[in-house]
Amino acid sequence: MTDIDTRWDAPAAHGPTTSNLADILERVLDKGIVIAGDIKIDLLDIELLTIRLRLFVASVETARKAGIDWWETDPALSSTAARDELRDENRRLRERVEALESAEDDGAPAARPKDTAGAGART
């Protein structure tokens, strides 16, 4: 009896090529991707909690093109922004001290200058 080879070799697929994780990540960061979702908790038709989640994954360059640069002005994320915030606070405090000293020099009771920056500092 003759053995018949019943194995079938499939031809190579001509579909899209598979990408490794680095290629996929490069594409996502180059174009950006937005993931959005809402979580809502109701009890007897009374809204107790709503959480809105928005996630934008992109490279810094792509985010800047989209007009997003909050990490540059957030003092918790940027040392430059933290220095700027400290510089502004120092400037406001110096202005308050000068106003108090000039009021004392004029012989008038020291009036408390308004806090125009909204820092809400109390003495």
Protein backbone atom coordinates (compact mmCIF):
# COMPACT_ATOMS: atom_id res chain seq x y z
CA MET A 1 0.00 0.00 0.00
CA THR A 2 1.19 3.47 -0.75
CA ASP A 3 1.09 6.21 1.84
CA ILE A 4 -0.60 9.37 0.58
CA ASP A 5 0.51 12.65 2.04
CA THR A 6 -2.70 14.37 3.07
CA ARG A 7 -1.01 17.38 4.67
CA TRP A 8 -1.84 20.63 3.02
CA ASP A 9 0.55 23.53 3.00
CA ALA A 10 -1.43 26.76 3.06
CA PRO A 11 -0.16 29.54 0.84
CA ALA A 12 1.28 32.55 2.60
CA ALA A 13 -1.37 35.04 3.65
CA HIS A 14 -1.28 38.35 1.81
CA GLY A 15 -3.31 40.23 4.45
CA PRO A 16 -2.03 42.95 6.72
CA THR A 17 1.30 42.28 8.31
CA THR A 18 1.47 41.81 12.02
CA SER A 19 3.04 44.59 14.04
CA ASN A 20 4.99 44.32 17.18
CA LEU A 21 4.18 46.38 20.26
CA ALA A 22 6.77 49.05 19.43
CA ASP A 23 5.19 49.68 16.00
CA ILE A 24 1.72 49.93 17.49
CA LEU A 25 2.90 52.28 20.23
CA GLU A 26 4.69 54.47 17.70
CA ARG A 27 1.52 54.76 15.59
CA VAL A 28 -0.66 55.56 18.62
CA LEU A 29 1.74 58.19 19.91
CA ASP A 30 2.13 59.72 16.44
CA LYS A 31 -1.60 60.04 15.79
CA GLY A 32 -2.98 60.02 19.32
CA ILE A 33 -5.93 58.10 20.68
CA VAL A 34 -8.85 59.26 22.79
CA ILE A 35 -10.66 57.00 25.23
CA ALA A 36 -13.79 58.40 26.85
CA GLY A 37 -16.25 56.95 29.30
CA ASP A 38 -18.75 57.84 31.99
CA ILE A 39 -19.54 56.03 35.22
CA LYS A 40 -22.87 56.92 36.74
CA ILE A 41 -24.29 55.60 40.00
CA ASP A 42 -28.01 56.06 40.61
CA LEU A 43 -30.20 54.94 43.47
CA LEU A 44 -33.95 55.06 42.95
CA ASP A 45 -33.54 57.52 40.05
CA ILE A 46 -31.38 59.81 42.20
CA GLU A 47 -27.96 60.48 40.80
CA LEU A 48 -25.43 59.83 43.53
CA LEU A 49 -22.17 59.97 41.65
CA THR A 50 -20.98 60.68 38.13
CA ILE A 51 -17.38 60.21 37.06
CA ARG A 52 -16.34 61.35 33.60
CA LEU A 53 -13.14 59.83 32.30
CA ARG A 54 -11.28 61.23 29.33
CA LEU A 55 -7.91 59.81 28.34
CA PHE A 56 -5.78 61.21 25.54
CA VAL A 57 -2.71 59.11 24.75
CA ALA A 58 -0.24 60.79 22.44
CA SER A 59 3.33 61.97 22.19
CA VAL A 60 4.21 65.37 23.61
CA GLU A 61 4.57 66.75 20.10
CA THR A 62 1.15 65.44 19.02
CA ALA A 63 -0.45 66.80 22.21
CA ARG A 64 1.05 70.23 21.58
CA LYS A 65 -0.35 70.18 18.04
CA ALA A 66 -3.74 69.46 19.61
CA GLY A 67 -3.31 72.46 21.91
CA ILE A 68 -2.69 70.44 25.08
CA ASP A 69 0.22 71.55 27.26
CA TRP A 70 -1.10 71.50 30.83
CA TRP A 71 1.93 69.59 32.10
CA GLU A 72 4.07 72.67 31.40
CA THR A 73 1.99 74.92 33.67
CA ASP A 74 1.10 72.47 36.44
CA PRO A 75 3.43 73.08 39.41
CA ALA A 76 3.11 69.44 40.47
CA LEU A 77 4.54 68.29 37.13
CA SER A 78 6.87 71.09 36.07
CA SER A 79 9.73 72.55 38.07
CA THR A 80 9.54 75.69 35.91
CA ALA A 81 5.87 76.14 36.73
CA ALA A 82 6.60 75.57 40.43
CA ARG A 83 9.30 78.26 40.35
CA ASP A 84 6.93 80.63 38.54
CA GLU A 85 4.23 80.03 41.14
CA LEU A 86 6.69 80.70 43.98
CA ARG A 87 7.94 83.82 42.22
CA ASP A 88 4.37 85.13 41.84
CA GLU A 89 3.57 84.41 45.48
CA ASN A 90 6.79 86.14 46.58
CA ARG A 91 5.94 89.18 44.44
CA ARG A 92 2.41 89.41 45.95
CA LEU A 93 3.80 89.14 49.49
CA ARG A 94 6.40 91.85 48.83
CA GLU A 95 3.67 94.15 47.49
CA ARG A 96 1.60 93.57 50.63
CA VAL A 97 4.58 94.27 52.90
CA GLU A 98 5.38 97.49 50.99
CA ALA A 99 1.76 98.62 51.23
CA LEU A 100 1.71 97.96 54.98
CA GLU A 101 5.02 99.74 55.54
CA SER A 102 4.01 102.76 53.49
CA ALA A 103 0.73 103.01 55.43
CA GLU A 104 2.66 102.97 58.72
CA ASP A 105 5.07 105.65 57.44
CA ASP A 106 2.14 107.93 56.57
CA GLY A 107 0.89 107.70 60.15
CA ALA A 108 -2.36 106.17 59.04
CA PRO A 109 -3.54 102.89 60.49
CA ALA A 110 -2.25 100.08 58.35
CA ALA A 111 -4.95 99.14 55.90
CA ARG A 112 -4.96 95.61 54.66
CA PRO A 113 -4.41 95.54 50.89
CA LYS A 114 -6.70 93.41 48.80
CA ASP A 115 -5.41 90.04 47.69
CA THR A 116 -5.88 90.41 43.95
CA ALA A 117 -4.42 87.01 43.13
CA GLY A 118 -7.15 85.12 44.95
CA ALA A 119 -4.63 83.28 47.09
CA GLY A 120 -6.80 83.88 50.15
CA ALA A 121 -3.80 84.28 52.48
CA ARG A 122 -4.81 85.30 55.98
CA THR A 123 -2.65 86.79 58.69
